């Protein structure tokens, strides 16, 4: 079984976000980057679990510059067998999906895993686009999965309950919380990851359909007003006249 896991680099959750002077690019100065948690904790670990149970290989793919190698090596330390990095700046979800799909076509993978979203853009777009390029089923927000031969039974949360789906390989899946449990790289894995080669490739030609015009920060939080719990009349007045929620 050949499994492909898409991994992204995202700012650490505690990073202070800012943009350049014309607000057209994210300012990376002084930012600590990590592997996107949904890719690492759920997509990658579930792929490794399947490999351990049924055999096969787990390959990582990342779209980005050489500075992304640090997060790729973490994935190798956790248990992936090999990795490829498409050497370019990710321009849009569609651009990223195109690069992943072209590589996946070449490799003939049984499953393509990605996190349900990245914690910086929260777009949830890449998985579906990859599936469309590959002409394969796409299962989103998976929280449980079992495999019987070439048929997977997948559960995902929906409004008010859970949905159970059966799908035959090959397919593309986006992983949500619950699909696996986080693994911490051990010393042996870290040492082995240092010796593994990252296959660096050039991107395929692609005319992007969208460009980023600008970014903006959300409005600053208003000052918090403390109301005496015995003064319900004042609380109601503020909710009605200032907050305008009643």
Protein backbone atom coordinates (compact mmCIF):
# COMPACT_ATOMS: atom_id res chain seq x y z
CA UNK A 1 0.00 0.00 0.00
CA UNK A 2 1.37 3.39 -1.02
CA UNK A 3 0.27 6.35 1.10
CA UNK A 4 0.97 10.02 0.39
CA UNK A 5 0.68 12.59 3.18
CA UNK A 6 0.56 16.32 2.41
CA UNK A 7 2.24 18.44 5.08
CA UNK A 8 2.31 22.22 5.44
CA UNK A 9 4.42 24.69 7.39
CA UNK A 10 2.43 27.05 9.60
CA UNK A 11 3.28 29.67 12.21
CA UNK A 12 3.36 28.47 15.79
CA UNK A 13 0.02 29.06 17.49
CA UNK A 14 1.62 31.65 19.80
CA UNK A 15 3.23 33.66 16.97
CA UNK A 16 2.40 37.34 16.64
CA UNK A 17 0.94 37.89 13.18
CA UNK A 18 1.86 40.90 11.04
CA UNK A 19 2.17 41.82 7.36
CA UNK A 20 4.58 43.80 5.21
CA UNK A 21 4.21 47.53 4.51
CA UNK A 22 1.62 47.19 1.73
CA UNK A 23 -0.17 44.26 3.44
CA UNK A 24 0.40 41.97 0.48
CA UNK A 25 2.53 39.34 2.27
CA UNK A 26 2.81 37.71 5.66
CA UNK A 27 5.81 38.95 7.64
CA UNK A 28 7.91 35.89 8.55
CA UNK A 29 10.56 37.78 10.51
CA UNK A 30 11.03 36.29 13.96
CA UNK A 31 8.30 33.67 13.45
CA UNK A 32 8.71 30.11 14.77
CA UNK A 33 7.21 27.64 12.30
CA UNK A 34 5.78 24.19 12.95
CA UNK A 35 4.17 21.40 10.96
CA UNK A 36 0.46 22.06 10.59
CA UNK A 37 -1.08 20.14 13.53
CA UNK A 38 -3.92 18.58 11.50
CA UNK A 39 -1.35 17.23 9.02
CA UNK A 40 0.98 15.95 11.75
CA UNK A 41 -1.26 14.67 14.55
CA UNK A 42 -4.01 13.08 12.46
CA UNK A 43 -3.17 12.65 8.75
CA UNK A 44 0.45 11.54 9.13
CA UNK A 45 -0.04 9.38 12.22
CA UNK A 46 -3.07 7.56 10.73
CA UNK A 47 -1.09 6.83 7.56
CA UNK A 48 1.75 5.42 9.66
CA UNK A 49 -0.72 3.28 11.62
CA UNK A 50 -2.09 1.83 8.37
CA UNK A 51 1.44 1.06 7.18
CA UNK A 52 2.23 -0.67 10.45
CA UNK A 53 -0.94 -2.77 10.24
CA UNK A 54 -1.00 -3.65 6.54
CA UNK A 55 2.48 -2.89 5.22
CA UNK A 56 3.48 -0.40 2.55
CA UNK A 57 5.14 3.00 2.51
CA UNK A 58 4.35 6.51 3.70
CA UNK A 59 5.67 9.42 1.60
CA UNK A 60 5.51 13.06 2.65
CA UNK A 61 5.00 15.87 0.17
CA UNK A 62 5.46 19.56 0.89
CA UNK A 63 5.16 22.55 -1.40
CA UNK A 64 7.65 25.23 -0.35
CA UNK A 65 11.23 26.51 -0.10
CA UNK A 66 14.28 24.88 1.50
CA UNK A 67 13.41 26.37 4.91
CA UNK A 68 10.53 23.86 5.04
CA UNK A 69 12.95 20.95 5.33
CA UNK A 70 12.92 21.20 9.13
CA UNK A 71 9.24 20.31 9.35
CA UNK A 72 9.62 17.61 6.70
CA UNK A 73 12.35 15.96 8.78
CA UNK A 74 10.06 15.95 11.78
CA UNK A 75 7.59 13.93 9.73
CA UNK A 76 10.36 11.53 8.77
CA UNK A 77 11.31 11.24 12.45
CA UNK A 78 7.73 10.36 13.37
CA UNK A 79 7.77 7.47 10.92
CA UNK A 80 7.39 8.45 7.25
CA UNK A 81 9.63 6.49 4.87
CA UNK A 82 10.61 9.23 2.43
CA UNK A 83 9.73 12.76 1.39
CA UNK A 84 9.54 15.06 -1.60
CA UNK A 85 9.53 18.84 -1.60
CA UNK A 86 8.35 20.86 -4.58
CA UNK A 87 10.78 23.79 -4.54
CA UNK A 88 8.64 26.92 -4.87
CA UNK A 89 6.62 29.44 -2.92
CA UNK A 90 3.03 28.21 -2.49
CA UNK A 91 0.92 30.84 -4.20
CA UNK A 92 -2.63 29.62 -3.71
CA UNK A 93 -4.61 26.54 -2.74
CA UNK A 94 -5.13 25.70 -6.40
CA UNK A 95 -1.42 25.99 -7.16
CA UNK A 96 -0.55 23.73 -4.21
CA UNK A 97 -3.21 21.18 -5.19
CA UNK A 98 -1.91 21.07 -8.78
CA UNK A 99 1.65 20.35 -7.62
CA UNK A 100 0.50 17.60 -5.25
CA UNK A 101 -1.78 16.00 -7.84
CA UNK A 102 0.89 15.87 -10.55
CA UNK A 103 3.27 14.11 -8.18
CA UNK A 104 0.53 11.76 -6.94
CA UNK A 105 -0.33 10.73 -10.52
CA UNK A 106 3.27 9.73 -11.05
CA UNK A 107 3.43 7.67 -7.85
CA UNK A 108 0.14 5.79 -8.14
CA UNK A 109 -0.81 6.20 -4.48
CA UNK A 110 -3.64 4.26 -2.88
CA UNK A 111 -4.56 7.10 -0.51
CA UNK A 112 -3.68 10.77 -0.26
CA UNK A 113 -3.97 12.26 3.25
CA UNK A 114 -4.05 15.89 4.31
CA UNK A 115 -5.20 17.75 7.40
CA UNK A 116 -8.73 19.14 7.31
CA UNK A 117 -7.24 22.66 7.12
CA UNK A 118 -4.14 24.65 7.95
CA UNK A 119 -4.25 26.69 11.15
CA UNK A 120 -3.13 29.87 9.39
CA UNK A 121 -5.53 30.08 6.42
CA UNK A 122 -8.30 27.67 7.55
CA UNK A 123 -9.36 27.23 3.93
CA UNK A 124 -10.08 23.47 3.80
CA UNK A 125 -9.59 23.69 0.04
CA UNK A 126 -6.52 21.70 -1.00
CA UNK A 127 -7.84 18.18 -0.37
CA UNK A 128 -10.91 18.61 -2.54
CA UNK A 129 -8.89 20.22 -5.31
CA UNK A 130 -6.35 17.39 -5.29
CA UNK A 131 -9.17 14.85 -5.57
CA UNK A 132 -10.65 16.74 -8.51
CA UNK A 133 -7.32 16.82 -10.34
CA UNK A 134 -6.88 13.08 -9.70
CA UNK A 135 -10.48 12.19 -10.54
CA UNK A 136 -10.84 10.39 -7.20
CA UNK A 137 -13.39 10.45 -4.34
CA UNK A 138 -12.79 12.99 -1.59
CA UNK A 139 -13.75 12.29 2.03
CA UNK A 140 -13.49 15.36 4.25
CA UNK A 141 -13.25 15.82 8.03
CA UNK A 142 -12.61 12.13 8.75
CA UNK A 143 -12.58 11.24 12.46
CA UNK A 144 -12.41 7.42 12.27
CA UNK A 145 -11.23 4.98 9.61
CA UNK A 146 -10.88 1.22 9.28
CA UNK A 147 -9.55 -0.64 6.26
CA UNK A 148 -10.64 -4.03 4.91
CA UNK A 149 -8.58 -4.90 1.86
CA UNK A 150 -9.12 -2.04 -0.59
CA UNK A 151 -12.32 -0.75 1.07
CA UNK A 152 -12.20 1.90 3.77
CA UNK A 153 -15.00 2.62 6.23
CA UNK A 154 -14.79 6.23 7.33
CA UNK A 155 -16.75 8.21 9.90
CA UNK A 156 -16.98 11.96 10.00
CA UNK A 157 -18.87 14.46 12.11
CA UNK A 158 -21.86 16.19 10.56
CA UNK A 159 -24.41 18.60 12.01
CA UNK A 160 -26.23 16.72 14.75
CA UNK A 161 -24.48 13.38 14.37
CA UNK A 162 -21.99 11.24 12.46
CA UNK A 163 -21.90 9.98 8.89
CA UNK A 164 -20.39 6.61 7.92
CA UNK A 165 -19.01 6.20 4.41
CA UNK A 166 -17.52 3.28 2.52
CA UNK A 167 -15.09 4.03 -0.29
CA UNK A 168 -12.69 1.95 -2.38
CA UNK A 169 -9.10 2.99 -2.95
CA UNK A 170 -7.72 5.17 -4.40
CA UNK A 171 -9.17 8.22 -2.69
CA UNK A 172 -8.22 11.51 -1.00
CA UNK A 173 -8.99 12.13 2.67
CA UNK A 174 -8.80 15.15 4.95
CA UNK A 175 -8.16 14.32 8.61
CA UNK A 176 -9.91 15.86 11.61
CA UNK A 177 -9.46 15.43 15.36
CA UNK A 178 -10.01 11.84 16.44
CA UNK A 179 -8.56 10.08 13.40
CA UNK A 180 -5.33 9.30 15.30
CA UNK A 181 -3.39 10.20 18.43
CA UNK A 182 -0.37 12.49 18.32
CA UNK A 183 3.05 10.80 18.29
CA UNK A 184 6.27 12.32 19.60
CA UNK A 185 9.44 11.52 17.62
CA UNK A 186 11.85 9.32 19.58
CA UNK A 187 15.65 9.59 19.45
CA UNK A 188 16.00 6.70 17.03
CA UNK A 189 13.52 8.29 14.63
CA UNK A 190 15.27 11.66 14.86
CA UNK A 191 18.66 10.11 14.06
CA UNK A 192 17.25 8.12 11.13
CA UNK A 193 15.50 11.21 9.75
CA UNK A 194 18.83 13.05 9.54
CA UNK A 195 20.12 10.43 7.11
CA UNK A 196 17.07 10.30 4.87
CA UNK A 197 17.18 12.25 1.62
CA UNK A 198 14.48 14.75 0.69
CA UNK A 199 13.70 14.53 -3.02
CA UNK A 200 13.61 18.14 -4.23
CA UNK A 201 11.74 18.77 -7.48
CA UNK A 202 10.79 21.75 -9.58
CA UNK A 203 7.12 22.74 -9.83
CA UNK A 204 5.04 21.98 -12.89
CA UNK A 205 4.03 24.97 -15.01
CA UNK A 206 0.73 26.43 -13.86
CA UNK A 207 -1.20 29.62 -14.62
CA UNK A 208 -2.79 30.55 -11.31
CA UNK A 209 -6.35 31.81 -11.38
CA UNK A 210 -6.18 34.04 -8.32
CA UNK A 211 -3.77 36.41 -6.61
CA UNK A 212 -3.72 37.86 -3.11
CA UNK A 213 -4.63 41.54 -3.14
CA UNK A 214 -4.08 42.31 0.55
CA UNK A 215 -4.36 41.05 4.11
CA UNK A 216 -5.77 42.87 7.11
CA UNK A 217 -5.83 42.25 10.83
CA UNK A 218 -9.15 41.79 12.62
CA UNK A 219 -10.40 44.77 14.64
CA UNK A 220 -8.76 45.13 18.04
CA UNK A 221 -10.82 43.83 20.92
CA UNK A 222 -12.82 46.50 22.71
CA UNK A 223 -12.13 47.29 26.33
CA UNK A 224 -13.77 44.85 28.70
CA UNK A 225 -16.34 46.43 31.00
CA UNK A 226 -16.86 44.86 34.40
CA UNK A 227 -20.43 45.04 35.73
CA UNK A 228 -21.37 44.41 39.33
CA UNK A 229 -23.38 41.16 39.37
CA UNK A 230 -26.02 42.87 41.48
CA UNK A 231 -26.51 45.63 38.90
CA UNK A 232 -28.57 43.75 36.30
CA UNK A 233 -30.28 46.93 35.14
CA UNK A 234 -26.96 48.39 33.95
CA UNK A 235 -26.00 45.12 32.25
CA UNK A 236 -29.27 45.03 30.32
CA UNK A 237 -28.85 48.69 29.32
CA UNK A 238 -25.35 48.09 27.96
CA UNK A 239 -26.39 44.98 26.05
CA UNK A 240 -29.28 46.91 24.54
CA UNK A 241 -27.75 50.33 23.83
CA UNK A 242 -24.06 49.59 23.24
CA UNK A 243 -23.65 45.95 22.27
CA UNK A 244 -27.06 45.99 20.55
CA UNK A 245 -27.56 42.26 21.05
CA UNK A 246 -30.97 42.61 22.68
